[in-house]
Amino acid sequence: MASVRGKITKEQYNQALQKHGAFCFVCGTTENLEAHHVRFKSAGGRGQWRNIRFLCAEHHRGKYSPHQNEQLRKELEKLHEKLYGPWFWADKYDLFKAGLIPNTTDEEFEKFMKGEEKS
């Protein structure tokens, strides 16, 4: 189930593009973009748009990627936490399990997350 919850759907991918832009966070290129989980799937990060940032293939997989560069990983997490709150990486089941929403509806999830966002 966790791997399914970490999967980035086309809808979440498109929403991340709309919110974050179609360019590499590191170098700004618009070519060879890949969706990157800001909080890694291995650390519980979900496939929600608030947990997605785009990186070019070089910066997603190379030696300067957040997977290899702890400073960049922390910078991305700090940015997303500032923008979307400490639960930026979560899905509705995480919030429900933590007692933050009364049920697992999309409406309750979005209501909570919008309340966490910094305008």
Protein backbone atom coordinates (compact mmCIF):
# COMPACT_ATOMS: atom_id res chain seq x y z
CA MET A 1 0.00 0.00 0.00
CA ALA A 2 2.83 2.45 0.81
CA SER A 3 4.27 2.14 -2.70
CA VAL A 4 0.85 2.96 -4.16
CA ARG A 5 0.57 6.01 -1.92
CA GLY A 6 3.98 7.19 -3.09
CA LYS A 7 3.03 6.88 -6.75
CA ILE A 8 2.65 10.16 -8.62
CA THR A 9 -0.58 10.15 -10.61
CA LYS A 10 -1.02 12.14 -13.80
CA GLU A 11 -3.36 14.48 -11.89
CA GLN A 12 -0.80 15.14 -9.13
CA TYR A 13 1.99 15.52 -11.70
CA ASN A 14 -0.01 18.11 -13.64
CA GLN A 15 -0.97 19.99 -10.49
CA ALA A 16 2.71 20.13 -9.44
CA LEU A 17 3.60 21.48 -12.89
CA GLN A 18 0.94 24.16 -12.53
CA LYS A 19 2.04 25.16 -9.01
CA HIS A 20 5.82 24.80 -9.27
CA GLY A 21 6.50 25.35 -12.96
CA ALA A 22 7.96 23.20 -15.70
CA PHE A 23 11.64 23.80 -15.00
CA CYS A 24 14.46 22.24 -13.01
CA PHE A 25 14.57 23.61 -9.47
CA VAL A 26 18.38 23.56 -9.56
CA CYS A 27 19.40 24.88 -12.98
CA GLY A 28 16.17 26.17 -14.51
CA THR A 29 16.27 24.08 -17.68
CA THR A 30 12.95 22.98 -19.16
CA GLU A 31 14.36 19.85 -20.79
CA ASN A 32 14.42 16.24 -19.55
CA LEU A 33 12.35 17.00 -16.45
CA GLU A 34 11.59 14.34 -13.86
CA ALA A 35 9.22 14.50 -10.92
CA HIS A 36 11.14 14.31 -7.64
CA HIS A 37 9.61 13.39 -4.27
CA VAL A 38 10.82 16.16 -1.94
CA ARG A 39 10.47 13.84 1.03
CA PHE A 40 11.66 10.57 -0.40
CA LYS A 41 9.22 7.69 -0.76
CA SER A 42 11.58 5.66 1.41
CA ALA A 43 10.99 8.22 4.19
CA GLY A 44 7.20 8.08 3.81
CA GLY A 45 6.82 10.83 1.22
CA ARG A 46 3.64 10.53 -0.82
CA GLY A 47 2.85 11.27 -4.46
CA GLN A 48 0.93 14.44 -3.65
CA TRP A 49 1.73 17.63 -5.63
CA ARG A 50 2.93 19.42 -2.50
CA ASN A 51 5.67 16.80 -2.24
CA ILE A 52 6.79 17.06 -5.87
CA ARG A 53 9.43 19.32 -7.38
CA PHE A 54 10.82 19.03 -10.87
CA LEU A 55 14.47 18.35 -11.59
CA CYS A 56 16.25 17.71 -14.87
CA ALA A 57 17.61 14.20 -15.28
CA GLU A 58 21.13 15.35 -14.37
CA HIS A 59 20.02 16.97 -11.12
CA HIS A 60 17.63 14.14 -10.25
CA ARG A 61 20.03 11.27 -10.78
CA GLY A 62 23.53 12.72 -10.84
CA LYS A 63 26.04 13.42 -8.10
CA TYR A 64 24.38 16.80 -7.43
CA SER A 65 20.92 15.30 -6.92
CA PRO A 66 19.06 15.49 -3.59
CA HIS A 67 19.66 11.73 -3.41
CA GLN A 68 23.41 12.40 -3.20
CA ASN A 69 23.50 15.97 -1.86
CA GLU A 70 22.17 16.26 1.69
CA GLN A 71 22.25 20.07 1.59
CA LEU A 72 19.98 20.18 -1.49
CA ARG A 73 17.62 17.61 0.03
CA LYS A 74 17.29 19.71 3.19
CA GLU A 75 16.85 22.91 1.17
CA LEU A 76 13.96 21.40 -0.78
CA GLU A 77 12.30 20.01 2.36
CA LYS A 78 12.68 23.35 4.15
CA LEU A 79 11.15 25.21 1.18
CA HIS A 80 8.16 22.88 0.99
CA GLU A 81 7.62 23.00 4.73
CA LYS A 82 7.68 26.80 4.58
CA LEU A 83 5.20 26.85 1.68
CA TYR A 84 2.87 24.04 2.71
CA GLY A 85 3.48 23.32 6.40
CA PRO A 86 5.13 20.35 8.13
CA TRP A 87 2.73 17.82 6.56
CA PHE A 88 3.60 18.80 2.93
CA TRP A 89 4.72 15.22 2.26
CA ALA A 90 1.58 13.49 3.61
CA ASP A 91 -1.64 12.15 2.16
CA LYS A 92 -5.12 12.00 3.68
CA TYR A 93 -4.43 8.68 5.39
CA ASP A 94 -1.35 10.09 7.15
CA LEU A 95 -3.37 13.05 8.41
CA PHE A 96 -6.24 10.84 9.57
CA LYS A 97 -3.88 8.46 11.37
CA ALA A 98 -2.26 11.45 13.11
CA GLY A 99 -5.69 12.64 14.26
CA LEU A 100 -5.50 15.85 12.22
CA ILE A 101 -8.62 15.27 10.11
CA PRO A 102 -11.86 13.50 11.10
CA ASN A 103 -12.07 11.28 8.00
CA THR A 104 -10.20 10.48 4.80
CA THR A 105 -12.23 12.54 2.35
CA ASP A 106 -10.44 14.67 -0.20
CA GLU A 107 -12.39 17.66 1.12
CA GLU A 108 -11.08 17.26 4.68
CA PHE A 109 -7.55 16.69 3.39
CA GLU A 110 -7.57 19.83 1.22
CA LYS A 111 -9.21 21.91 3.95
CA PHE A 112 -6.41 20.98 6.37
CA MET A 113 -3.64 21.44 3.81
CA LYS A 114 -4.93 24.82 2.64
CA GLY A 115 -4.96 25.93 6.27
CA GLU A 116 -1.27 25.01 6.50
CA GLU A 117 -0.21 26.86 3.33
CA LYS A 118 1.62 30.15 3.46
CA SER A 119 0.22 32.63 0.95
